[in-house]
Amino acid sequence: MPGRPRPGRPSHRSSHGGTTHSQEEHIMKLGIVGTGPIGTVLARTLSAGGHDVQVANSRGPETVDPSVTEFGARAVTAQEAVEDKDVVILSVPFTRIPDVAGLFASVPPQTVVIDTSNYFPHLGGRVEPVEGGQVESLWVAEQLGRPVVKAWNAAVAGTLQTRGLPTGTPGRIALPVAADSDEARRIGMRLVDESGFDPLDAGVLADSWRQQPMTPAYCTELVLEELGPALSAADRSEAPRNRDRQMSRFATLTAMPTLDEVVELNRSLHR
């Protein structure tokens, strides 16, 4: 993808759509655990924007696809990805979070941990505390034994990959960011902005169910003025039913839906 700034090169805008900043004040050391669709796009986008990015999967650095590291991210072990970082982005399936919790035992409290996962029992199995009403993000924090920021979970990977725009662009898609710490939330919002999307302060983790599947804010590609009302309109009792309805609808499709079709299916749940 020619034209993107190489890491370490000062630039006002990344050609991916995010905003980059001066080296002296703004470059951060980021670790990304998980090289699925979301982990991959964040590794590419944030390294292209100039951050010092290390990325890991469960199989070892030699198995990380070269496209993940194309713009300067470095493939490392999972343990190395969480060491001496300003921010660790955890992008693994929801039900696998307990498997990686041990990585965070020695991560200091000042390191911001961002979780991108979503709970889909049809795919990963049931988690009884969540089925019983525990907020997904609070379950994640409990497994890790530390606070987390919830971000990038309310967008389809294709949206993150192809629809980021520079700060201030009219019609820019907005994404919610939730955390109990104001400072951690601010950092999460900054990185969402740099990845090409308008960040919205979505409050504390106890309210982060408002951005989980299948609420009005989830993967519906809303602009900033629409996202706040969508979060407010969320009905906690309806979300699991909508999730089940949507999974049933997807199961009947005879071809892989396009990104626009996925977004429209999500929007149609709330009309």
Protein backbone atom coordinates (compact mmCIF):
# COMPACT_ATOMS: atom_id res chain seq x y z
CA MET A 1 0.00 0.00 0.00
CA PRO A 2 2.24 2.81 -1.23
CA GLY A 3 2.02 6.28 0.15
CA ARG A 4 1.78 5.47 3.84
CA PRO A 5 4.33 7.12 6.13
CA ARG A 6 6.97 4.81 7.49
CA PRO A 7 7.21 4.51 11.29
CA GLY A 8 9.26 7.29 12.79
CA ARG A 9 8.57 9.76 10.00
CA PRO A 10 6.74 12.84 11.31
CA SER A 11 3.49 13.44 9.45
CA HIS A 12 0.27 15.32 10.07
CA ARG A 13 -1.99 12.68 8.55
CA SER A 14 -1.68 8.99 7.85
CA SER A 15 -2.90 8.01 4.38
CA HIS A 16 -4.96 5.31 6.10
CA GLY A 17 -7.08 8.06 7.55
CA GLY A 18 -5.75 8.44 11.08
CA THR A 19 -3.90 11.39 12.53
CA THR A 20 -0.22 11.14 13.39
CA HIS A 21 1.80 13.43 15.66
CA SER A 22 5.29 14.68 16.34
CA GLN A 23 7.81 12.09 17.48
CA GLU A 24 8.85 13.99 20.57
CA GLU A 25 5.45 14.05 22.22
CA HIS A 26 3.29 11.33 20.81
CA ILE A 27 4.95 8.08 19.73
CA MET A 28 3.93 5.24 22.04
CA LYS A 29 5.19 1.71 22.59
CA LEU A 30 2.28 -0.55 21.67
CA GLY A 31 1.89 -4.30 22.00
CA ILE A 32 -0.84 -6.17 20.12
CA VAL A 33 -1.74 -9.70 21.18
CA GLY A 34 -3.71 -11.39 18.43
CA THR A 35 -3.31 -11.33 14.65
CA GLY A 36 -6.89 -11.93 13.60
CA PRO A 37 -8.63 -9.38 11.36
CA ILE A 38 -8.82 -6.60 13.98
CA GLY A 39 -5.36 -7.15 15.47
CA THR A 40 -3.91 -7.16 11.97
CA VAL A 41 -5.53 -3.92 10.83
CA LEU A 42 -4.55 -2.15 14.06
CA ALA A 43 -0.95 -3.33 13.78
CA ARG A 44 -0.76 -2.05 10.23
CA THR A 45 -2.55 1.25 10.85
CA LEU A 46 -0.86 2.22 14.11
CA SER A 47 2.63 1.32 12.90
CA ALA A 48 2.01 3.23 9.67
CA GLY A 49 1.09 6.19 11.87
CA GLY A 50 4.51 6.13 13.50
CA HIS A 51 4.02 4.18 16.73
CA ASP A 52 6.50 1.57 17.95
CA VAL A 53 4.38 -1.57 17.53
CA GLN A 54 5.14 -5.16 18.48
CA VAL A 55 2.64 -7.88 17.59
CA ALA A 56 2.23 -11.50 18.66
CA ASN A 57 -0.01 -14.49 18.18
CA SER A 58 -0.28 -17.81 20.00
CA ARG A 59 1.91 -19.71 17.51
CA GLY A 60 5.13 -17.69 17.58
CA PRO A 61 6.61 -14.73 15.71
CA GLU A 62 7.71 -16.81 12.75
CA THR A 63 4.05 -17.50 11.92
CA VAL A 64 2.96 -13.85 11.77
CA ASP A 65 1.99 -13.00 8.20
CA PRO A 66 4.35 -10.47 6.58
CA SER A 67 1.40 -8.22 5.75
CA VAL A 68 0.94 -7.57 9.49
CA THR A 69 4.43 -6.08 9.76
CA GLU A 70 4.49 -4.31 6.39
CA PHE A 71 4.56 -0.81 7.87
CA GLY A 72 7.07 -1.33 10.65
CA ALA A 73 5.41 -3.48 13.32
CA ARG A 74 7.68 -6.24 14.64
CA ALA A 75 6.63 -9.83 15.28
CA VAL A 76 7.60 -11.01 18.77
CA THR A 77 6.56 -13.58 21.35
CA ALA A 78 3.37 -12.98 23.30
CA GLN A 79 5.35 -12.30 26.47
CA GLU A 80 7.52 -9.74 24.69
CA ALA A 81 4.40 -8.03 23.29
CA VAL A 82 3.20 -7.09 26.79
CA GLU A 83 6.56 -6.09 28.30
CA ASP A 84 7.58 -2.44 28.69
CA LYS A 85 4.61 -1.06 26.78
CA ASP A 86 2.52 2.09 27.12
CA VAL A 87 -0.51 0.27 25.73
CA VAL A 88 -1.33 -3.40 25.13
CA ILE A 89 -4.18 -4.15 22.73
CA LEU A 90 -5.73 -7.53 23.41
CA SER A 91 -7.45 -8.82 20.27
CA VAL A 92 -8.21 -12.48 20.87
CA PRO A 93 -11.57 -14.30 20.88
CA PHE A 94 -13.63 -13.53 23.99
CA THR A 95 -13.60 -17.07 25.38
CA ARG A 96 -9.82 -17.34 24.95
CA ILE A 97 -9.09 -14.43 27.25
CA PRO A 98 -8.54 -16.69 30.31
CA ASP A 99 -5.85 -18.51 28.27
CA VAL A 100 -3.76 -15.33 27.92
CA ALA A 101 -4.46 -13.85 31.35
CA GLY A 102 -1.11 -15.10 32.67
CA LEU A 103 0.70 -12.76 30.29
CA PHE A 104 -0.53 -9.80 32.34
CA ALA A 105 0.63 -10.96 35.76
CA SER A 106 3.75 -8.78 35.62
CA VAL A 107 2.35 -5.93 33.51
CA PRO A 108 2.44 -2.76 35.65
CA PRO A 109 -0.80 -0.94 36.53
CA GLN A 110 0.13 2.12 34.48
CA THR A 111 0.09 0.11 31.25
CA VAL A 112 -3.22 0.68 29.47
CA VAL A 113 -4.85 -2.57 28.31
CA ILE A 114 -7.44 -2.27 25.54
CA ASP A 115 -9.80 -5.15 24.82
CA THR A 116 -11.46 -5.48 21.40
CA SER A 117 -13.41 -8.71 21.93
CA ASN A 118 -17.11 -9.54 21.68
CA TYR A 119 -19.11 -12.36 23.21
CA PHE A 120 -20.72 -14.74 20.72
CA PRO A 121 -21.69 -17.99 22.47
CA HIS A 122 -22.57 -19.55 19.09
CA LEU A 123 -18.90 -19.31 18.13
CA GLY A 124 -16.87 -19.70 21.31
CA GLY A 125 -19.21 -21.33 23.78
CA ARG A 126 -21.25 -20.03 26.68
CA VAL A 127 -19.75 -18.02 29.54
CA GLU A 128 -22.13 -18.50 32.41
CA PRO A 129 -21.39 -15.27 34.35
CA VAL A 130 -22.11 -13.27 31.20
CA GLU A 131 -25.23 -15.31 30.49
CA GLY A 132 -26.23 -14.47 34.06
CA GLY A 133 -25.92 -10.75 33.47
CA GLN A 134 -22.28 -9.78 34.05
CA VAL A 135 -21.14 -7.07 31.64
CA GLU A 136 -18.74 -8.56 29.10
CA SER A 137 -15.98 -6.02 29.71
CA LEU A 138 -16.18 -6.50 33.48
CA TRP A 139 -15.77 -10.25 32.95
CA VAL A 140 -12.68 -9.55 30.83
CA ALA A 141 -11.22 -7.28 33.53
CA GLU A 142 -11.92 -9.96 36.13
CA GLN A 143 -10.10 -12.61 34.08
CA LEU A 144 -7.07 -10.38 33.58
CA GLY A 145 -7.08 -9.12 37.15
CA ARG A 146 -6.81 -5.51 35.99
CA PRO A 147 -8.89 -2.70 34.46
CA VAL A 148 -9.35 -2.56 30.70
CA VAL A 149 -10.48 -0.11 28.06
CA LYS A 150 -13.16 -1.27 25.63
CA ALA A 151 -12.53 -0.03 22.09
CA TRP A 152 -12.72 -1.06 18.43
CA ASN A 153 -15.20 -3.82 19.27
CA ALA A 154 -18.15 -1.95 17.73
CA ALA A 155 -16.86 -2.04 14.16
CA VAL A 156 -16.59 -4.77 11.56
CA ALA A 157 -12.96 -5.50 10.67
CA GLY A 158 -13.69 -4.39 7.11
CA THR A 159 -14.84 -1.02 8.42
CA LEU A 160 -11.58 -0.59 10.34
CA GLN A 161 -9.59 -1.64 7.31
CA THR A 162 -11.23 0.45 4.60
CA ARG A 163 -13.29 3.29 6.05
CA GLY A 164 -10.99 5.28 8.29
CA LEU A 165 -10.76 8.99 7.47
CA PRO A 166 -8.61 11.92 8.63
CA THR A 167 -9.71 13.86 11.69
CA GLY A 168 -12.30 16.48 10.82
CA THR A 169 -13.55 14.79 7.66
CA PRO A 170 -17.35 15.15 7.32
CA GLY A 171 -19.16 11.84 7.66
CA ARG A 172 -16.37 10.18 9.62
CA ILE A 173 -17.56 7.01 11.38
CA ALA A 174 -17.50 7.19 15.18
CA LEU A 175 -16.61 4.45 17.67
CA PRO A 176 -17.33 4.26 21.43
CA VAL A 177 -14.57 3.94 24.02
CA ALA A 178 -15.35 2.88 27.61
CA ALA A 179 -13.10 2.66 30.68
CA ASP A 180 -13.23 3.30 34.40
CA SER A 181 -10.09 5.45 34.30
CA ASP A 182 -10.44 8.87 32.67
CA GLU A 183 -6.78 8.80 31.61
CA ALA A 184 -6.97 5.29 30.14
CA ARG A 185 -10.16 6.26 28.28
CA ARG A 186 -8.42 9.35 26.92
CA ILE A 187 -5.55 7.24 25.59
CA GLY A 188 -7.97 4.78 24.04
CA MET A 189 -9.85 7.63 22.38
CA ARG A 190 -6.63 9.07 21.02
CA LEU A 191 -5.69 5.76 19.40
CA VAL A 192 -9.19 5.32 17.95
CA ASP A 193 -8.83 8.80 16.43
CA GLU A 194 -5.43 7.89 15.00
CA SER A 195 -6.90 4.73 13.49
CA GLY A 196 -9.25 6.87 11.41
CA PHE A 197 -12.46 7.15 13.45
CA ASP A 198 -14.12 9.73 15.68
CA PRO A 199 -13.91 8.52 19.30
CA LEU A 200 -16.87 8.92 21.63
CA ASP A 201 -16.49 8.87 25.41
CA ALA A 202 -18.84 6.01 26.31
CA GLY A 203 -18.31 6.24 30.06
CA VAL A 204 -17.43 3.46 32.47
CA LEU A 205 -17.11 -0.27 31.87
CA ALA A 206 -20.36 -1.00 33.69
CA ASP A 207 -22.12 0.81 30.82
CA SER A 208 -20.05 -0.81 28.04
CA TRP A 209 -22.84 -3.32 27.35
CA ARG A 210 -24.30 -0.47 25.30
CA GLN A 211 -21.61 -1.04 22.63
CA GLN A 212 -21.69 -4.84 22.62
CA PRO A 213 -23.56 -7.09 20.13
CA MET A 214 -26.26 -6.40 18.94
CA THR A 215 -27.04 -2.94 20.23
CA PRO A 216 -27.83 0.10 18.02
CA ALA A 217 -24.20 1.27 18.29
CA TYR A 218 -22.70 -2.07 17.31
CA CYS A 219 -21.27 -2.27 13.77
CA THR A 220 -23.79 0.19 12.34
CA GLU A 221 -21.27 2.80 11.08
CA LEU A 222 -22.78 5.86 12.75
CA VAL A 223 -21.32 9.35 12.77
CA LEU A 224 -20.52 11.09 16.04
CA GLU A 225 -23.86 12.91 16.26
CA GLU A 226 -25.70 9.58 15.88
CA LEU A 227 -23.56 7.41 18.12
CA GLY A 228 -24.42 9.02 21.47
CA PRO A 229 -28.19 8.64 20.95
CA ALA A 230 -27.63 5.05 19.77
CA LEU A 231 -25.79 4.19 22.98
CA SER A 232 -28.58 5.80 25.01
CA ALA A 233 -31.22 3.83 23.10
CA ALA A 234 -29.67 0.44 23.87
CA ASP A 235 -31.94 -2.04 25.64
CA ARG A 236 -29.94 -4.52 27.66
CA SER A 237 -32.68 -7.14 27.65
CA GLU A 238 -32.99 -6.96 23.86
CA ALA A 239 -29.30 -7.33 22.98
CA PRO A 240 -29.01 -11.12 23.53
CA ARG A 241 -32.23 -11.72 21.59
CA ASN A 242 -30.99 -9.51 18.76
CA ARG A 243 -27.69 -11.41 18.78
CA ASP A 244 -29.51 -14.72 18.43
CA ARG A 245 -31.77 -13.32 15.70
CA GLN A 246 -28.82 -12.01 13.77
CA MET A 247 -26.85 -15.26 14.00
CA SER A 248 -29.91 -17.11 12.70
CA ARG A 249 -30.22 -14.68 9.82
CA PHE A 250 -26.56 -15.05 8.89
CA ALA A 251 -26.94 -18.84 8.98
CA THR A 252 -29.52 -18.67 6.19
CA LEU A 253 -27.35 -16.66 3.80
CA THR A 254 -26.17 -18.53 0.73
CA ALA A 255 -23.22 -16.22 0.01
CA MET A 256 -20.79 -14.18 2.07
CA PRO A 257 -22.39 -10.76 2.62
CA THR A 258 -20.57 -7.61 1.62
CA LEU A 259 -19.53 -5.07 4.23
CA ASP A 260 -22.45 -2.83 3.26
CA GLU A 261 -24.84 -5.76 3.60
CA VAL A 262 -23.50 -6.63 7.06
CA VAL A 263 -23.93 -3.03 8.23
CA GLU A 264 -27.46 -2.90 6.80
CA LEU A 265 -28.39 -6.17 8.51
CA ASN A 266 -27.19 -4.74 11.82
CA ARG A 267 -29.07 -1.49 11.32
CA SER A 268 -32.25 -3.33 10.40
CA LEU A 269 -32.42 -4.89 13.86
CA HIS A 270 -33.24 -1.50 15.36
CA ARG A 271 -35.85 -0.14 12.98
